[in-house]
Every structure is written in C-alpha cells, then in structure tokens.
Amino acid sequence: MMKDKQAVQFLEQLKLLYPAAFKRNYLFYSMIKTKGLLDELKEFIPWLLAAMIFISISMSLGAYLQNTWPQLSEFRAKGLAVLAVMLFFMLITPLVIKQMKHSSVSLYKQLCHTPIKLAVIILLQAINIAYVESSFLQSLLFFFAMSFGFVRFYKENLFRDHSDSHQYYYLQETRRVCFWSYKQVLKIKCRRLLCKRNSKKLNELKQQQQQFQILHEKALGFEHQLCKSFKHLDLNTYLENMMK
C-alpha cells in the first residue's frame, strides 16, 4: 500500500523540478471524491449542479425556440433543446476522456465508452422527437445523458473508508503532473516539425521529449499505485471487499 509520506515526497520533488506542472493545469473531472458506492449528501451535489445548469438551459432554450419558430410544437421545442444539451455533452466528453487517458489509467478504463452511450441516447432522443413524442422517455433520456455526460465525470466514487481529503489532493495533483507531462511531449513534437534535420536544436528537443516521456510514464504509474491504495479500482473489487 502506498503511504502518504511517499506521495508527499514525490510531489515535493516534482514541484521543485517542474513548478509549471502545478500552475494553470486543470483537469475537468473528479471534482468531488466520495467513499464507497454512495456517500450520503455528497451524491446530491453533482445532480443539483446538473439540474441548476442543464435543466435551466434546456428550459430557456426550449422557450426561445418556441418563440422564434411558432410552428414548432411545445414538445418538439423542448425536445430540440434537450437534444442540444445532449450534443454539448457529446462534444466535451471526448476532451475529458482524453485527459483521463493520459492522467488516470483506472478511470479511463471505466469511462472510455461514455461517447458510445451518449451517441445511443442522442439517437433515441432524435427518434423520440420525430416519431414517439413521449415526455416520459425524454425525461428518462435526459437523466441518463446528465449522468453519463456530467455526473460521472464530476464525481469519482469507490474510495476506501480510510481515505481522506489529503489523499484526494495527492491523487489529483499527481494526475495534473501526468497530463502536464503529456502536453509537454505534444508541444515538443510540434516544435520538432519546424527544426532542420540533424540540427543541434532538434537533438535538444529529442532529449527533452524523452525526459518528459519518462516523467509521464513514471507519474502515470505512481497515480495507479495511489489509486490502488486509496480506492477500489472497480465495482467488482469494491463488492468483494464488502463481502469479506
């Protein structure tokens, strides 16, 4: 099991070597971390935010569409507004998953198929608008869209009972380092395209790229070790521990 002291030493060392990794380097997932599968009131926070933001937007957009195009029925205006929010989720989800892929192995495995789920929901909503016209089905699809497109990214659960806010901080900071080092590799690759072959600058960039690749692999491995120490990696391991 990874100890807190090891995490502190790892992060302090990186802050001295790469202070830029901890500045203006944001991750758009795991804003809230909860213990187990359900963690009392914390479970309601992302849903409350989703309702305040996306339901409000869909209602406002639906009213706007109905006023702008009076020939649209009330159901279709609201349905198109809901569909627009779903398409927004579909747009931002690959970007968040891209961050996960290069900063958290376990979370990426859990959520990498989210765009497919959203695509199915969007298709069903389009069919509902065109043919079915069911308000209940629309509400159900909107619920799942908010769950897959917002709540599951905003909240990360399955943390162990002994985990605390300090450990959550260590984990998230390590993930920031992972993604920052990946971005540095991409930047260097782009800069290499502008360099002449066999030039001194190109050789320097190759060395820098190799250093950041090593850092990324090291940080990603460390993040995975922290995950194994601080949380249950998936639902199966969580249920197995609950049965013991």
C-alpha atoms as a PDB file:
ATOM      1  CA  MET A   1       0.000   0.000   0.000  1.00  0.00           C
ATOM      2  CA  MET A   2       1.264   3.453  -0.913  1.00  0.00           C
ATOM      3  CA  LYS A   3       1.916   5.642   2.127  1.00  0.00           C
ATOM      4  CA  ASP A   4       1.045   9.324   2.347  1.00  0.00           C
ATOM      5  CA  LYS A   5       4.684  10.172   3.031  1.00  0.00           C
ATOM      6  CA  GLN A   6       5.728   8.706  -0.309  1.00  0.00           C
ATOM      7  CA  ALA A   7       3.111  10.774  -2.116  1.00  0.00           C
ATOM      8  CA  VAL A   8       4.238  13.959  -0.362  1.00  0.00           C
ATOM      9  CA  GLN A   9       7.888  13.317  -1.209  1.00  0.00           C
ATOM     10  CA  PHE A  10       7.039  12.555  -4.830  1.00  0.00           C
ATOM     11  CA  LEU A  11       5.005  15.743  -5.266  1.00  0.00           C
ATOM     12  CA  GLU A  12       7.503  17.959  -3.439  1.00  0.00           C
ATOM     13  CA  GLN A  13      10.279  16.697  -5.667  1.00  0.00           C
ATOM     14  CA  LEU A  14       8.233  17.406  -8.776  1.00  0.00           C
ATOM     15  CA  LYS A  15       7.304  20.888  -7.554  1.00  0.00           C
ATOM     16  CA  LEU A  16      10.993  21.712  -7.298  1.00  0.00           C
ATOM     17  CA  LEU A  17      11.841  20.265 -10.715  1.00  0.00           C
ATOM     18  CA  TYR A  18       8.687  21.194 -12.656  1.00  0.00           C
ATOM     19  CA  PRO A  19       6.813  24.051 -10.916  1.00  0.00           C
ATOM     20  CA  ALA A  20       4.890  24.807 -14.129  1.00  0.00           C
ATOM     21  CA  ALA A  21       3.091  21.464 -13.815  1.00  0.00           C
ATOM     22  CA  PHE A  22       1.114  22.831 -10.876  1.00  0.00           C
ATOM     23  CA  LYS A  23       0.097  26.145 -12.454  1.00  0.00           C
ATOM     24  CA  ARG A  24      -2.882  26.689 -14.780  1.00  0.00           C
ATOM     25  CA  ASN A  25      -3.100  22.976 -15.421  1.00  0.00           C
ATOM     26  CA  TYR A  26      -6.714  21.982 -14.861  1.00  0.00           C
ATOM     27  CA  LEU A  27      -8.444  18.631 -15.046  1.00  0.00           C
ATOM     28  CA  PHE A  28     -12.151  18.614 -15.856  1.00  0.00           C
ATOM     29  CA  TYR A  29     -13.058  15.507 -13.922  1.00  0.00           C
ATOM     30  CA  SER A  30     -13.185  14.166 -10.360  1.00  0.00           C
ATOM     31  CA  MET A  31     -14.143  17.458  -8.729  1.00  0.00           C
ATOM     32  CA  ILE A  32     -15.738  15.527  -5.859  1.00  0.00           C
ATOM     33  CA  LYS A  33     -14.397  12.280  -4.414  1.00  0.00           C
ATOM     34  CA  THR A  34     -16.646  10.011  -2.369  1.00  0.00           C
ATOM     35  CA  LYS A  35     -16.165   6.888  -0.290  1.00  0.00           C
ATOM     36  CA  GLY A  36     -17.705   3.621  -1.411  1.00  0.00           C
ATOM     37  CA  LEU A  37     -20.542   3.460  -3.887  1.00  0.00           C
ATOM     38  CA  LEU A  38     -22.794   6.005  -2.159  1.00  0.00           C
ATOM     39  CA  ASP A  39     -21.561   8.732   0.164  1.00  0.00           C
ATOM     40  CA  GLU A  40     -24.610  10.405   1.673  1.00  0.00           C
ATOM     41  CA  LEU A  41     -25.131  14.082   0.822  1.00  0.00           C
ATOM     42  CA  LYS A  42     -22.123  14.339  -1.494  1.00  0.00           C
ATOM     43  CA  GLU A  43     -24.041  12.263  -4.019  1.00  0.00           C
ATOM     44  CA  PHE A  44     -26.594  15.044  -4.447  1.00  0.00           C
ATOM     45  CA  ILE A  45     -24.102  17.824  -5.226  1.00  0.00           C
ATOM     46  CA  PRO A  46     -23.373  16.917  -8.883  1.00  0.00           C
ATOM     47  CA  TRP A  47     -27.049  16.189  -9.516  1.00  0.00           C
ATOM     48  CA  LEU A  48     -28.027  19.524  -8.012  1.00  0.00           C
ATOM     49  CA  LEU A  49     -25.485  21.287 -10.212  1.00  0.00           C
ATOM     50  CA  ALA A  50     -26.677  19.368 -13.266  1.00  0.00           C
ATOM     51  CA  ALA A  51     -30.273  20.372 -12.574  1.00  0.00           C
ATOM     52  CA  MET A  52     -29.372  24.015 -11.973  1.00  0.00           C
ATOM     53  CA  ILE A  53     -27.236  24.284 -15.101  1.00  0.00           C
ATOM     54  CA  PHE A  54     -28.534  21.943 -17.769  1.00  0.00           C
ATOM     55  CA  ILE A  55     -32.232  21.713 -16.974  1.00  0.00           C
ATOM     56  CA  SER A  56     -32.348  25.505 -16.717  1.00  0.00           C
ATOM     57  CA  ILE A  57     -30.545  25.846 -20.050  1.00  0.00           C
ATOM     58  CA  SER A  58     -32.866  23.366 -21.751  1.00  0.00           C
ATOM     59  CA  MET A  59     -35.950  25.171 -20.443  1.00  0.00           C
ATOM     60  CA  SER A  60     -34.659  28.573 -21.557  1.00  0.00           C
ATOM     61  CA  LEU A  61     -33.576  27.252 -24.945  1.00  0.00           C
ATOM     62  CA  GLY A  62     -36.909  25.486 -25.415  1.00  0.00           C
ATOM     63  CA  ALA A  63     -38.805  28.710 -24.719  1.00  0.00           C
ATOM     64  CA  TYR A  64     -36.538  30.586 -27.142  1.00  0.00           C
ATOM     65  CA  LEU A  65     -37.090  28.034 -29.918  1.00  0.00           C
ATOM     66  CA  GLN A  66     -40.842  28.132 -29.439  1.00  0.00           C
ATOM     67  CA  ASN A  67     -40.906  31.933 -29.586  1.00  0.00           C
ATOM     68  CA  THR A  68     -38.599  32.074 -32.599  1.00  0.00           C
ATOM     69  CA  TRP A  69     -40.365  29.332 -34.561  1.00  0.00           C
ATOM     70  CA  PRO A  70     -44.055  29.356 -33.540  1.00  0.00           C
ATOM     71  CA  GLN A  71     -44.782  26.473 -35.918  1.00  0.00           C
ATOM     72  CA  LEU A  72     -42.843  24.150 -33.603  1.00  0.00           C
ATOM     73  CA  SER A  73     -44.979  22.291 -31.099  1.00  0.00           C
ATOM     74  CA  GLU A  74     -44.169  22.713 -27.423  1.00  0.00           C
ATOM     75  CA  PHE A  75     -42.880  19.141 -27.195  1.00  0.00           C
ATOM     76  CA  ARG A  76     -40.571  19.480 -30.199  1.00  0.00           C
ATOM     77  CA  ALA A  77     -39.195  22.803 -28.988  1.00  0.00           C
ATOM     78  CA  LYS A  78     -38.364  21.304 -25.600  1.00  0.00           C
ATOM     79  CA  GLY A  79     -37.104  18.129 -27.259  1.00  0.00           C
ATOM     80  CA  LEU A  80     -34.709  20.030 -29.512  1.00  0.00           C
ATOM     81  CA  ALA A  81     -33.447  21.988 -26.508  1.00  0.00           C
ATOM     82  CA  VAL A  82     -32.754  18.743 -24.640  1.00  0.00           C
ATOM     83  CA  LEU A  83     -31.086  17.345 -27.751  1.00  0.00           C
ATOM     84  CA  ALA A  84     -28.830  20.411 -27.920  1.00  0.00           C
ATOM     85  CA  VAL A  85     -27.674  19.815 -24.335  1.00  0.00           C
ATOM     86  CA  MET A  86     -27.008  16.162 -25.163  1.00  0.00           C
ATOM     87  CA  LEU A  87     -24.933  17.202 -28.170  1.00  0.00           C
ATOM     88  CA  PHE A  88     -22.967  19.528 -25.905  1.00  0.00           C
ATOM     89  CA  PHE A  89     -22.168  16.566 -23.652  1.00  0.00           C
ATOM     90  CA  MET A  90     -21.106  14.616 -26.724  1.00  0.00           C
ATOM     91  CA  LEU A  91     -18.802  17.463 -27.720  1.00  0.00           C
ATOM     92  CA  ILE A  92     -16.970  17.861 -24.415  1.00  0.00           C
ATOM     93  CA  THR A  93     -16.868  14.203 -23.328  1.00  0.00           C
ATOM     94  CA  PRO A  94     -14.028  13.160 -25.697  1.00  0.00           C
ATOM     95  CA  LEU A  95     -11.930  16.059 -24.388  1.00  0.00           C
ATOM     96  CA  VAL A  96     -12.384  14.957 -20.778  1.00  0.00           C
ATOM     97  CA  ILE A  97     -11.708  11.328 -21.676  1.00  0.00           C
ATOM     98  CA  LYS A  98      -8.544  12.470 -23.453  1.00  0.00           C
ATOM     99  CA  GLN A  99      -7.401  13.981 -20.164  1.00  0.00           C
ATOM    100  CA  MET A 100      -8.243  10.755 -18.346  1.00  0.00           C
ATOM    101  CA  LYS A 101      -6.389   8.602 -20.845  1.00  0.00           C
ATOM    102  CA  HIS A 102      -3.147  10.396 -20.069  1.00  0.00           C
ATOM    103  CA  SER A 103      -3.648  11.018 -16.352  1.00  0.00           C
ATOM    104  CA  SER A 104      -5.625   8.126 -14.818  1.00  0.00           C
ATOM    105  CA  VAL A 105      -5.496   4.562 -16.107  1.00  0.00           C
ATOM    106  CA  SER A 106      -8.284   3.159 -13.933  1.00  0.00           C
ATOM    107  CA  LEU A 107     -10.768   5.974 -14.577  1.00  0.00           C
ATOM    108  CA  TYR A 108     -10.118   5.838 -18.301  1.00  0.00           C
ATOM    109  CA  LYS A 109     -10.951   2.130 -18.351  1.00  0.00           C
ATOM    110  CA  GLN A 110     -14.214   2.820 -16.536  1.00  0.00           C
ATOM    111  CA  LEU A 111     -15.414   5.739 -18.654  1.00  0.00           C
ATOM    112  CA  CYS A 112     -13.808   5.343 -22.084  1.00  0.00           C
ATOM    113  CA  HIS A 113     -17.062   4.031 -23.606  1.00  0.00           C
ATOM    114  CA  THR A 114     -19.123   7.038 -22.496  1.00  0.00           C
ATOM    115  CA  PRO A 115     -19.297   8.616 -26.004  1.00  0.00           C
ATOM    116  CA  ILE A 116     -20.919   5.440 -27.341  1.00  0.00           C
ATOM    117  CA  LYS A 117     -23.538   5.547 -24.591  1.00  0.00           C
ATOM    118  CA  LEU A 118     -24.226   9.211 -25.293  1.00  0.00           C
ATOM    119  CA  ALA A 119     -24.499   8.511 -29.023  1.00  0.00           C
ATOM    120  CA  VAL A 120     -27.197   5.902 -28.338  1.00  0.00           C
ATOM    121  CA  ILE A 121     -29.064   8.335 -26.070  1.00  0.00           C
ATOM    122  CA  ILE A 122     -28.887  11.086 -28.712  1.00  0.00           C
ATOM    123  CA  LEU A 123     -30.192   8.718 -31.381  1.00  0.00           C
ATOM    124  CA  LEU A 124     -33.099   7.662 -29.165  1.00  0.00           C
ATOM    125  CA  GLN A 125     -33.917  11.294 -28.401  1.00  0.00           C
ATOM    126  CA  ALA A 126     -33.944  12.134 -32.116  1.00  0.00           C
ATOM    127  CA  ILE A 127     -36.331   9.225 -32.742  1.00  0.00           C
ATOM    128  CA  ASN A 128     -38.454  10.374 -29.826  1.00  0.00           C
ATOM    129  CA  ILE A 129     -38.727  13.900 -31.250  1.00  0.00           C
ATOM    130  CA  ALA A 130     -39.557  12.683 -34.749  1.00  0.00           C
ATOM    131  CA  TYR A 131     -41.926   9.809 -34.034  1.00  0.00           C
ATOM    132  CA  VAL A 132     -42.664   8.822 -30.432  1.00  0.00           C
ATOM    133  CA  GLU A 133     -43.154  12.230 -28.768  1.00  0.00           C
ATOM    134  CA  SER A 134     -43.054  10.816 -25.247  1.00  0.00           C
ATOM    135  CA  SER A 135     -42.325  13.276 -22.438  1.00  0.00           C
ATOM    136  CA  PHE A 136     -41.537  10.418 -20.056  1.00  0.00           C
ATOM    137  CA  LEU A 137     -38.990   8.910 -22.455  1.00  0.00           C
ATOM    138  CA  GLN A 138     -37.451  12.339 -22.984  1.00  0.00           C
ATOM    139  CA  SER A 139     -37.076  12.880 -19.229  1.00  0.00           C
ATOM    140  CA  LEU A 140     -35.537   9.438 -18.838  1.00  0.00           C
ATOM    141  CA  LEU A 141     -33.060  10.007 -21.664  1.00  0.00           C
ATOM    142  CA  PHE A 142     -32.143  13.440 -20.293  1.00  0.00           C
ATOM    143  CA  PHE A 143     -31.496  11.869 -16.888  1.00  0.00           C
ATOM    144  CA  PHE A 144     -29.099   9.321 -18.381  1.00  0.00           C
ATOM    145  CA  ALA A 145     -27.433  11.977 -20.537  1.00  0.00           C
ATOM    146  CA  MET A 146     -26.688  14.109 -17.465  1.00  0.00           C
ATOM    147  CA  SER A 147     -25.482  11.029 -15.616  1.00  0.00           C
ATOM    148  CA  PHE A 148     -23.069   9.923 -18.348  1.00  0.00           C
ATOM    149  CA  GLY A 149     -22.114  13.368 -19.623  1.00  0.00           C
ATOM    150  CA  PHE A 150     -21.683  15.259 -16.359  1.00  0.00           C
ATOM    151  CA  VAL A 151     -22.245  13.471 -13.048  1.00  0.00           C
ATOM    152  CA  ARG A 152     -19.896  10.541 -13.654  1.00  0.00           C
ATOM    153  CA  PHE A 153     -17.098  12.910 -14.617  1.00  0.00           C
ATOM    154  CA  TYR A 154     -17.752  15.413 -11.855  1.00  0.00           C
ATOM    155  CA  LYS A 155     -17.864  12.784  -9.098  1.00  0.00           C
ATOM    156  CA  GLU A 156     -15.404   9.951  -8.501  1.00  0.00           C
ATOM    157  CA  ASN A 157     -16.525   7.277  -6.066  1.00  0.00           C
ATOM    158  CA  LEU A 158     -15.275   3.929  -4.705  1.00  0.00           C
ATOM    159  CA  PHE A 159     -12.663   5.464  -2.395  1.00  0.00           C
ATOM    160  CA  ARG A 160     -11.774   3.377   0.628  1.00  0.00           C
ATOM    161  CA  ASP A 161     -13.199   4.134   4.064  1.00  0.00           C
ATOM    162  CA  HIS A 162      -9.800   5.184   5.422  1.00  0.00           C
ATOM    163  CA  SER A 163      -9.204   7.730   2.641  1.00  0.00           C
ATOM    164  CA  ASP A 164      -9.218  11.428   3.488  1.00  0.00           C
ATOM    165  CA  SER A 165      -9.008  14.855   1.854  1.00  0.00           C
ATOM    166  CA  HIS A 166      -5.195  14.864   1.929  1.00  0.00           C
ATOM    167  CA  GLN A 167      -5.061  11.658  -0.082  1.00  0.00           C
ATOM    168  CA  TYR A 168      -7.594  13.044  -2.552  1.00  0.00           C
ATOM    169  CA  TYR A 169      -5.301  16.041  -3.001  1.00  0.00           C
ATOM    170  CA  TYR A 170      -2.205  13.888  -3.572  1.00  0.00           C
ATOM    171  CA  LEU A 171      -4.042  11.850  -6.176  1.00  0.00           C
ATOM    172  CA  GLN A 172      -5.394  14.834  -8.078  1.00  0.00           C
ATOM    173  CA  GLU A 173      -2.050  16.655  -8.056  1.00  0.00           C
ATOM    174  CA  THR A 174      -0.343  13.548  -9.418  1.00  0.00           C
ATOM    175  CA  ARG A 175      -2.907  13.417 -12.205  1.00  0.00           C
ATOM    176  CA  ARG A 176      -2.175  17.035 -13.043  1.00  0.00           C
ATOM    177  CA  VAL A 177       1.503  16.165 -13.400  1.00  0.00           C
ATOM    178  CA  CYS A 178       0.602  13.237 -15.652  1.00  0.00           C
ATOM    179  CA  PHE A 179      -1.425  15.366 -18.021  1.00  0.00           C
ATOM    180  CA  TRP A 180       1.044  18.255 -17.960  1.00  0.00           C
ATOM    181  CA  SER A 181       3.948  15.990 -18.922  1.00  0.00           C
ATOM    182  CA  TYR A 182       1.862  14.539 -21.753  1.00  0.00           C
ATOM    183  CA  LYS A 183       1.147  18.056 -23.049  1.00  0.00           C
ATOM    184  CA  GLN A 184       4.856  18.870 -22.959  1.00  0.00           C
ATOM    185  CA  VAL A 185       5.571  15.841 -25.143  1.00  0.00           C
ATOM    186  CA  LEU A 186       2.980  17.041 -27.664  1.00  0.00           C
ATOM    187  CA  LYS A 187       4.404  20.566 -27.681  1.00  0.00           C
ATOM    188  CA  ILE A 188       7.916  19.293 -28.277  1.00  0.00           C
ATOM    189  CA  LYS A 189       6.718  17.063 -31.118  1.00  0.00           C
ATOM    190  CA  CYS A 190       5.180  20.113 -32.783  1.00  0.00           C
ATOM    191  CA  ARG A 191       8.366  22.133 -32.305  1.00  0.00           C
ATOM    192  CA  ARG A 192      10.431  19.330 -33.808  1.00  0.00           C
ATOM    193  CA  LEU A 193       8.485  19.643 -37.052  1.00  0.00           C
ATOM    194  CA  LEU A 194       9.936  23.134 -37.503  1.00  0.00           C
ATOM    195  CA  CYS A 195      13.540  22.089 -36.939  1.00  0.00           C
ATOM    196  CA  LYS A 196      16.047  21.108 -39.582  1.00  0.00           C
ATOM    197  CA  ARG A 197      17.302  17.553 -39.693  1.00  0.00           C
ATOM    198  CA  ASN A 198      20.400  16.788 -37.635  1.00  0.00           C
ATOM    199  CA  SER A 199      20.385  20.282 -36.168  1.00  0.00           C
ATOM    200  CA  LYS A 200      21.525  20.957 -32.624  1.00  0.00           C
ATOM    201  CA  LYS A 201      18.084  22.261 -31.704  1.00  0.00           C
ATOM    202  CA  LEU A 202      16.444  19.053 -32.916  1.00  0.00           C
ATOM    203  CA  ASN A 203      18.753  16.916 -30.790  1.00  0.00           C
ATOM    204  CA  GLU A 204      17.989  19.055 -27.744  1.00  0.00           C
ATOM    205  CA  LEU A 205      14.269  18.681 -28.335  1.00  0.00           C
ATOM    206  CA  LYS A 206      14.631  14.915 -28.687  1.00  0.00           C
ATOM    207  CA  GLN A 207      16.324  14.768 -25.297  1.00  0.00           C
ATOM    208  CA  GLN A 208      13.641  16.945 -23.728  1.00  0.00           C
ATOM    209  CA  GLN A 209      10.910  14.798 -25.246  1.00  0.00           C
ATOM    210  CA  GLN A 210      12.500  11.670 -23.846  1.00  0.00           C
ATOM    211  CA  GLN A 211      12.709  13.262 -20.388  1.00  0.00           C
ATOM    212  CA  PHE A 212       9.039  14.223 -20.406  1.00  0.00           C
ATOM    213  CA  GLN A 213       8.017  10.804 -21.708  1.00  0.00           C
ATOM    214  CA  ILE A 214       9.862   9.188 -18.814  1.00  0.00           C
ATOM    215  CA  LEU A 215       8.224  11.643 -16.403  1.00  0.00           C
ATOM    216  CA  HIS A 216       4.791  10.885 -17.845  1.00  0.00           C
ATOM    217  CA  GLU A 217       5.250   7.129 -17.532  1.00  0.00           C
ATOM    218  CA  LYS A 218       6.601   7.484 -14.001  1.00  0.00           C
ATOM    219  CA  ALA A 219       3.791   9.801 -12.883  1.00  0.00           C
ATOM    220  CA  LEU A 220       1.144   7.616 -14.515  1.00  0.00           C
ATOM    221  CA  GLY A 221       2.491   4.545 -12.749  1.00  0.00           C
ATOM    222  CA  PHE A 222       2.586   6.423  -9.448  1.00  0.00           C
ATOM    223  CA  GLU A 223      -1.005   7.589  -9.950  1.00  0.00           C
ATOM    224  CA  HIS A 224      -2.108   3.999 -10.483  1.00  0.00           C
ATOM    225  CA  GLN A 225      -0.369   2.937  -7.279  1.00  0.00           C
ATOM    226  CA  LEU A 226      -2.134   5.730  -5.398  1.00  0.00           C
ATOM    227  CA  CYS A 227      -5.464   4.585  -6.828  1.00  0.00           C
ATOM    228  CA  LYS A 228      -4.849   1.037  -5.638  1.00  0.00           C
ATOM    229  CA  SER A 229      -4.013   2.348  -2.166  1.00  0.00           C
ATOM    230  CA  PHE A 230      -6.742   4.955  -1.764  1.00  0.00           C
ATOM    231  CA  LYS A 231      -9.701   3.449  -3.635  1.00  0.00           C
ATOM    232  CA  HIS A 232     -11.312   0.342  -5.059  1.00  0.00           C
ATOM    233  CA  LEU A 233     -10.340   0.236  -8.721  1.00  0.00           C
ATOM    234  CA  ASP A 234     -13.713  -1.047  -9.909  1.00  0.00           C
ATOM    235  CA  LEU A 235     -17.120  -2.145  -8.691  1.00  0.00           C
ATOM    236  CA  ASN A 236     -16.140  -5.819  -8.557  1.00  0.00           C
ATOM    237  CA  THR A 237     -13.240  -5.237  -6.151  1.00  0.00           C
ATOM    238  CA  TYR A 238     -15.462  -2.979  -4.054  1.00  0.00           C
ATOM    239  CA  LEU A 239     -18.154  -5.657  -3.750  1.00  0.00           C
ATOM    240  CA  GLU A 240     -15.555  -8.327  -2.989  1.00  0.00           C
ATOM    241  CA  ASN A 241     -14.190  -6.243  -0.116  1.00  0.00           C
ATOM    242  CA  MET A 242     -17.703  -5.594   1.153  1.00  0.00           C
ATOM    243  CA  MET A 243     -18.356  -9.351   1.277  1.00  0.00           C
ATOM    244  CA  LYS A 244     -15.260 -10.048   3.393  1.00  0.00           C
END
